Amino acid sequence: MKSKVTLYLTQSALWSFKTRWGLHLMSIMTMTLVFFLLGSSMLFLSHMKKSMQTSSFDLHISIYLDRELDSNQQEHFVQTHCRKAEIESCHYLSAKQAKDLFLQDNQQFDAMLNVLKKNPFPPSFEIILKRELKSSGSLESLVGQIKKEPYVEDVDDGGVWLKRWIELFAFIHRILFAVSLLFLAAMIFVIATTVQLVIHARRDELEIQKLIGATKNMLRYPFMLEGVIEGALAGGAALSLLWMAQYKVNLEISSSWAGLLGSHVSFFSLTEQMTFVGVGILVGLVGSLLGIEKYIRS
């Protein structure tokens, strides 16, 4: 499109905003509400995940061995099993180190252990898993491979509690993904419906533009611009409301819930805020295209 035509179509879109401000305002307010609910869900789940990651509970696996391993065997185990992405750290504990570690917190058993002719503590490998482990299947696969080693006597993988912990993380990710899709679909529907209402109000004007040779892109452009503006304004307004809500929640945590809820709720980073507004613009663009395409094809 030539510059003069683009300028005219831009002015047409802005004029539509001015003359039908109530309709556009209702669309922006609806989108802002949906964006606010989406952002609140993301902040809540992010805080929940952060609280779990900073808790004192360790995702821990103990591998008990039937004999001491020399340095080559230890290195082989580390290279084979401890270089996987889901493992945070892995270290070997000799029988003597295991006994000394136990006695650090249980000095009352020192005399009892000295009576024994044999050290009751087996050598072991202690593995700390990353808290972002996404499925219990990854844990079961890792444990299965470790059990195949000939010197492994037993593996304590944390049992049902560790598996539930991992499954909770996976559940949080699935819920956030599903909620995001649902809210984005709702916003696209709102924009498309608004565009169709505006088209109905401007039907005579659009028919005249068709008669004097307006192309499909010329018909699309004003509505696409309106959708982009609505999406950007809704995204920005939702971020402002989220920031105020987060500030209020953190005040409540500091004054009344510090012992229960722990750390404050973190806000989105600058990159995440820009992405948030960018998604609003994209949703506005897609919604407006869906609305105008229905008219163009009719």
Protein backbone atom coordinates (compact mmCIF):
# COMPACT_ATOMS: atom_id res chain seq x y z
CA MET A 1 0.00 0.00 0.00
CA LYS A 2 1.16 3.51 -0.76
CA SER A 3 1.96 5.88 2.08
CA LYS A 4 -1.12 8.09 1.54
CA VAL A 5 -3.42 5.08 1.53
CA THR A 6 -1.74 3.71 4.65
CA LEU A 7 -2.16 7.08 6.38
CA TYR A 8 -5.83 7.19 5.44
CA LEU A 9 -6.45 3.64 6.69
CA THR A 10 -4.61 4.41 9.95
CA GLN A 11 -6.75 7.50 10.46
CA SER A 12 -9.81 5.36 9.71
CA ALA A 13 -8.83 2.90 12.44
CA LEU A 14 -8.22 5.70 14.96
CA TRP A 15 -11.51 7.33 13.98
CA SER A 16 -13.26 4.01 14.64
CA PHE A 17 -11.69 3.97 18.12
CA LYS A 18 -12.93 7.50 18.77
CA THR A 19 -16.47 7.05 17.52
CA ARG A 20 -17.01 3.54 18.88
CA TRP A 21 -14.98 3.91 22.04
CA GLY A 22 -17.53 2.10 24.19
CA LEU A 23 -17.31 -1.07 22.11
CA HIS A 24 -13.50 -1.01 22.04
CA LEU A 25 -13.31 -0.17 25.75
CA MET A 26 -15.48 -3.17 26.59
CA SER A 27 -13.22 -5.38 24.49
CA ILE A 28 -10.07 -3.99 26.15
CA MET A 29 -11.56 -4.41 29.63
CA THR A 30 -12.57 -8.00 28.90
CA MET A 31 -9.12 -8.81 27.53
CA THR A 32 -7.48 -7.09 30.50
CA LEU A 33 -9.49 -9.25 32.89
CA VAL A 34 -8.55 -12.42 31.03
CA PHE A 35 -4.89 -11.35 30.89
CA PHE A 36 -5.00 -10.54 34.60
CA LEU A 37 -6.35 -14.00 35.43
CA LEU A 38 -3.71 -15.61 33.20
CA GLY A 39 -0.91 -13.54 34.74
CA SER A 40 -2.15 -14.27 38.26
CA SER A 41 -2.12 -17.98 37.54
CA MET A 42 1.41 -17.76 36.15
CA LEU A 43 2.69 -15.79 39.16
CA PHE A 44 1.00 -18.13 41.63
CA LEU A 45 2.34 -21.29 39.99
CA SER A 46 5.77 -19.71 39.61
CA HIS A 47 5.81 -18.82 43.32
CA MET A 48 4.64 -22.31 44.23
CA LYS A 49 7.44 -23.83 42.14
CA LYS A 50 10.00 -21.46 43.67
CA SER A 51 8.86 -22.35 47.19
CA MET A 52 9.23 -26.04 46.41
CA GLN A 53 12.69 -25.50 44.94
CA THR A 54 13.92 -23.58 47.98
CA SER A 55 12.43 -25.95 50.55
CA SER A 56 14.66 -28.09 52.75
CA PHE A 57 13.42 -31.32 51.14
CA ASP A 58 16.01 -32.93 48.85
CA LEU A 59 15.26 -35.07 45.83
CA HIS A 60 17.73 -37.68 47.00
CA ILE A 61 18.76 -41.19 45.89
CA SER A 62 21.05 -43.45 47.93
CA ILE A 63 22.81 -46.33 46.13
CA TYR A 64 24.14 -48.91 48.60
CA LEU A 65 27.07 -51.04 47.45
CA ASP A 66 28.21 -54.51 48.48
CA ARG A 67 31.89 -53.52 48.50
CA GLU A 68 34.25 -50.57 48.41
CA LEU A 69 35.03 -49.23 44.95
CA ASP A 70 38.43 -48.14 43.77
CA SER A 71 38.95 -44.79 42.03
CA ASN A 72 38.52 -46.28 38.54
CA GLN A 73 35.23 -47.91 39.46
CA GLN A 74 34.02 -44.70 41.07
CA GLU A 75 34.91 -42.71 37.96
CA HIS A 76 33.15 -45.28 35.75
CA PHE A 77 29.97 -44.95 37.82
CA VAL A 78 30.08 -41.14 37.70
CA GLN A 79 30.67 -41.06 33.95
CA THR A 80 27.95 -43.64 33.27
CA HIS A 81 25.17 -42.45 35.59
CA CYS A 82 25.96 -39.01 37.02
CA ARG A 83 26.29 -36.94 33.85
CA LYS A 84 22.59 -37.02 33.09
CA ALA A 85 20.69 -33.73 32.86
CA GLU A 86 18.37 -34.53 35.77
CA ILE A 87 21.22 -34.99 38.30
CA GLU A 88 22.39 -32.03 40.39
CA SER A 89 25.28 -33.72 42.22
CA CYS A 90 26.72 -37.16 42.84
CA HIS A 91 29.42 -38.27 45.28
CA TYR A 92 30.88 -41.48 46.68
CA LEU A 93 30.72 -42.22 50.40
CA SER A 94 33.00 -44.94 51.82
CA ALA A 95 31.86 -47.13 54.70
CA LYS A 96 34.09 -45.19 57.12
CA GLN A 97 32.78 -41.83 55.85
CA ALA A 98 29.22 -43.08 56.24
CA LYS A 99 29.91 -44.12 59.83
CA ASP A 100 31.63 -40.82 60.68
CA LEU A 101 28.76 -38.86 59.13
CA PHE A 102 26.24 -40.81 61.21
CA LEU A 103 28.16 -40.23 64.43
CA GLN A 104 28.31 -36.47 63.85
CA ASP A 105 24.63 -36.26 64.78
CA ASN A 106 24.38 -39.41 66.91
CA GLN A 107 27.30 -39.45 69.33
CA GLN A 108 25.31 -41.56 71.79
CA PHE A 109 25.77 -44.58 69.52
CA ASP A 110 29.57 -44.33 69.38
CA ALA A 111 30.22 -46.88 72.12
CA MET A 112 27.65 -49.28 70.67
CA LEU A 113 29.24 -49.17 67.23
CA ASN A 114 32.71 -49.71 68.67
CA VAL A 115 31.51 -53.00 70.19
CA LEU A 116 30.67 -54.29 66.73
CA LYS A 117 33.50 -56.08 64.98
CA LYS A 118 32.35 -54.90 61.55
CA ASN A 119 31.29 -51.50 60.29
CA PRO A 120 27.51 -51.84 59.68
CA PHE A 121 27.45 -48.95 57.21
CA PRO A 122 27.87 -49.90 53.55
CA PRO A 123 29.67 -47.70 51.01
CA SER A 124 27.29 -45.76 48.83
CA PHE A 125 26.74 -43.17 46.14
CA GLU A 126 24.59 -40.22 47.15
CA ILE A 127 22.74 -38.53 44.27
CA ILE A 128 20.86 -35.22 44.49
CA LEU A 129 18.32 -34.73 41.69
CA LYS A 130 17.40 -31.41 40.16
CA ARG A 131 14.04 -30.15 41.37
CA GLU A 132 12.94 -29.51 37.77
CA LEU A 133 12.80 -33.27 37.10
CA LYS A 134 9.73 -33.48 34.86
CA SER A 135 8.53 -37.07 35.18
CA SER A 136 8.73 -40.03 37.50
CA GLY A 137 9.54 -42.08 34.40
CA SER A 138 12.95 -40.38 34.23
CA LEU A 139 13.59 -41.39 37.85
CA GLU A 140 12.53 -44.99 37.24
CA SER A 141 14.75 -45.20 34.15
CA LEU A 142 17.75 -43.87 36.09
CA VAL A 143 17.20 -46.28 39.01
CA GLY A 144 16.74 -49.20 36.60
CA GLN A 145 20.07 -48.51 34.91
CA ILE A 146 21.89 -48.15 38.25
CA LYS A 147 20.53 -51.47 39.56
CA LYS A 148 22.19 -53.28 36.65
CA GLU A 149 25.64 -52.55 38.09
CA PRO A 150 27.05 -55.78 39.66
CA TYR A 151 28.24 -54.06 42.85
CA VAL A 152 24.88 -52.33 43.61
CA GLU A 153 23.12 -54.04 46.51
CA ASP A 154 20.13 -51.75 46.99
CA VAL A 155 18.74 -48.39 45.82
CA ASP A 156 16.68 -46.06 47.99
CA ASP A 157 14.90 -43.82 45.48
CA GLY A 158 12.74 -41.94 47.98
CA GLY A 159 9.74 -44.18 47.42
CA VAL A 160 6.27 -42.81 46.76
CA TRP A 161 6.97 -39.36 48.24
CA LEU A 162 9.69 -38.51 45.75
CA LYS A 163 7.55 -39.71 42.86
CA ARG A 164 4.63 -37.60 44.06
CA TRP A 165 6.94 -34.59 44.33
CA ILE A 166 8.06 -35.03 40.71
CA GLU A 167 4.50 -35.61 39.52
CA LEU A 168 3.40 -32.40 41.27
CA PHE A 169 5.95 -30.42 39.26
CA ALA A 170 4.72 -32.04 36.04
CA PHE A 171 1.11 -31.31 37.03
CA ILE A 172 1.95 -27.61 37.59
CA HIS A 173 3.43 -27.35 34.08
CA ARG A 174 0.42 -29.09 32.49
CA ILE A 175 -2.09 -26.90 34.33
CA LEU A 176 -0.25 -23.71 33.37
CA PHE A 177 -0.12 -24.79 29.72
CA ALA A 178 -3.83 -25.71 29.64
CA VAL A 179 -4.90 -22.49 31.41
CA SER A 180 -2.78 -20.40 29.02
CA LEU A 181 -4.36 -22.00 25.95
CA LEU A 182 -7.86 -21.56 27.37
CA PHE A 183 -7.35 -17.88 28.20
CA LEU A 184 -5.67 -17.10 24.87
CA ALA A 185 -8.54 -18.74 22.99
CA ALA A 186 -11.01 -16.66 25.02
CA MET A 187 -9.18 -13.42 24.16
CA ILE A 188 -9.04 -14.25 20.45
CA PHE A 189 -12.80 -14.87 20.55
CA VAL A 190 -13.39 -11.51 22.27
CA ILE A 191 -11.36 -9.62 19.64
CA ALA A 192 -13.00 -11.46 16.74
CA THR A 193 -16.47 -10.72 18.14
CA THR A 194 -15.62 -7.04 18.62
CA VAL A 195 -14.34 -6.76 15.05
CA GLN A 196 -17.53 -8.33 13.71
CA LEU A 197 -19.63 -5.83 15.68
CA VAL A 198 -17.56 -2.94 14.31
CA ILE A 199 -17.88 -4.37 10.79
CA HIS A 200 -21.66 -4.54 11.19
CA ALA A 201 -21.71 -0.88 12.25
CA ARG A 202 -19.49 0.14 9.29
CA ARG A 203 -20.98 -2.21 6.71
CA ASP A 204 -22.15 0.55 4.38
CA GLU A 205 -18.75 2.27 4.49
CA LEU A 206 -16.95 -0.99 3.73
CA GLU A 207 -19.28 -1.76 0.83
CA ILE A 208 -18.50 1.66 -0.68
CA GLN A 209 -14.76 0.97 -0.29
CA LYS A 210 -15.23 -2.30 -2.16
CA LEU A 211 -17.07 -0.56 -4.98
CA ILE A 212 -14.30 2.02 -5.49
CA GLY A 213 -11.64 -0.69 -5.71
CA ALA A 214 -10.36 -1.29 -2.17
CA THR A 215 -8.27 -4.47 -1.98
CA LYS A 216 -8.66 -7.14 0.67
CA ASN A 217 -5.51 -5.92 2.41
CA MET A 218 -6.90 -2.39 2.50
CA LEU A 219 -10.03 -3.73 4.16
CA ARG A 220 -8.01 -5.78 6.63
CA TYR A 221 -5.50 -3.12 7.68
CA PRO A 222 -7.70 -0.83 9.87
CA PHE A 223 -9.14 -3.79 11.79
CA MET A 224 -5.72 -5.38 12.23
CA LEU A 225 -4.44 -2.08 13.63
CA GLU A 226 -7.41 -1.84 15.98
CA GLY A 227 -6.76 -5.39 17.19
CA VAL A 228 -3.07 -4.65 17.77
CA ILE A 229 -3.92 -1.51 19.76
CA GLU A 230 -6.51 -3.33 21.84
CA GLY A 231 -4.09 -6.20 22.56
CA ALA A 232 -1.25 -3.85 23.54
CA LEU A 233 -3.47 -1.74 25.81
CA ALA A 234 -4.98 -4.83 27.45
CA GLY A 235 -1.56 -6.40 28.04
CA GLY A 236 -0.18 -3.17 29.53
CA ALA A 237 -3.24 -2.60 31.73
CA ALA A 238 -3.13 -6.21 32.98
CA LEU A 239 0.58 -5.86 33.88
CA SER A 240 -0.20 -2.71 35.88
CA LEU A 241 -2.98 -4.48 37.78
CA LEU A 242 -0.75 -7.50 38.38
CA TRP A 243 2.03 -5.29 39.75
CA MET A 244 -0.40 -3.62 42.18
CA ALA A 245 -1.83 -7.01 43.22
CA GLN A 246 1.67 -8.44 43.72
CA TYR A 247 2.68 -5.42 45.80
CA LYS A 248 -0.42 -5.84 47.98
CA VAL A 249 0.14 -9.59 48.41
CA ASN A 250 3.77 -9.05 49.42
CA LEU A 251 2.68 -6.51 52.03
CA GLU A 252 0.28 -9.09 53.46
CA ILE A 253 3.01 -11.74 53.47
CA SER A 254 5.40 -9.42 55.31
CA SER A 255 2.85 -8.37 57.91
CA SER A 256 0.77 -11.49 58.52
CA TRP A 257 1.98 -14.58 56.65
CA ALA A 258 5.78 -14.45 56.69
CA GLY A 259 6.15 -17.65 58.70
CA LEU A 260 3.68 -19.61 56.57
CA LEU A 261 4.29 -18.39 53.01
CA GLY A 262 8.00 -17.60 53.29
CA SER A 263 9.48 -15.64 50.41
CA HIS A 264 7.72 -12.83 48.57
CA VAL A 265 6.01 -13.31 45.24
CA SER A 266 8.38 -12.33 42.45
CA PHE A 267 7.09 -10.26 39.53
CA PHE A 268 7.77 -10.91 35.86
CA SER A 269 11.20 -9.99 34.52
CA LEU A 270 11.48 -7.21 31.94
CA THR A 271 11.76 -9.79 29.15
CA GLU A 272 8.67 -11.60 30.44
CA GLN A 273 6.75 -8.31 30.63
CA MET A 274 7.66 -7.50 27.03
CA THR A 275 6.59 -11.01 26.03
CA PHE A 276 3.33 -10.53 27.91
CA VAL A 277 2.50 -7.38 25.93
CA GLY A 278 3.76 -9.04 22.74
CA VAL A 279 1.33 -11.91 23.25
CA GLY A 280 -1.45 -9.34 23.70
CA ILE A 281 -0.52 -7.74 20.37
CA LEU A 282 -0.39 -11.14 18.66
CA VAL A 283 -3.75 -12.17 20.11
CA GLY A 284 -5.28 -8.87 18.99
CA LEU A 285 -3.88 -9.36 15.48
CA VAL A 286 -5.12 -12.95 15.18
CA GLY A 287 -8.54 -12.09 16.58
CA SER A 288 -9.00 -9.14 14.22
CA LEU A 289 -7.94 -11.25 11.22
CA LEU A 290 -10.47 -13.94 12.12
CA GLY A 291 -13.19 -11.32 12.44
CA ILE A 292 -12.49 -9.51 9.14
CA GLU A 293 -11.89 -12.71 7.14
CA LYS A 294 -15.45 -13.81 7.84
CA TYR A 295 -16.70 -10.57 6.28
CA ILE A 296 -14.31 -10.69 3.31
CA ARG A 297 -15.33 -14.21 2.37
CA SER A 298 -19.06 -13.47 2.66
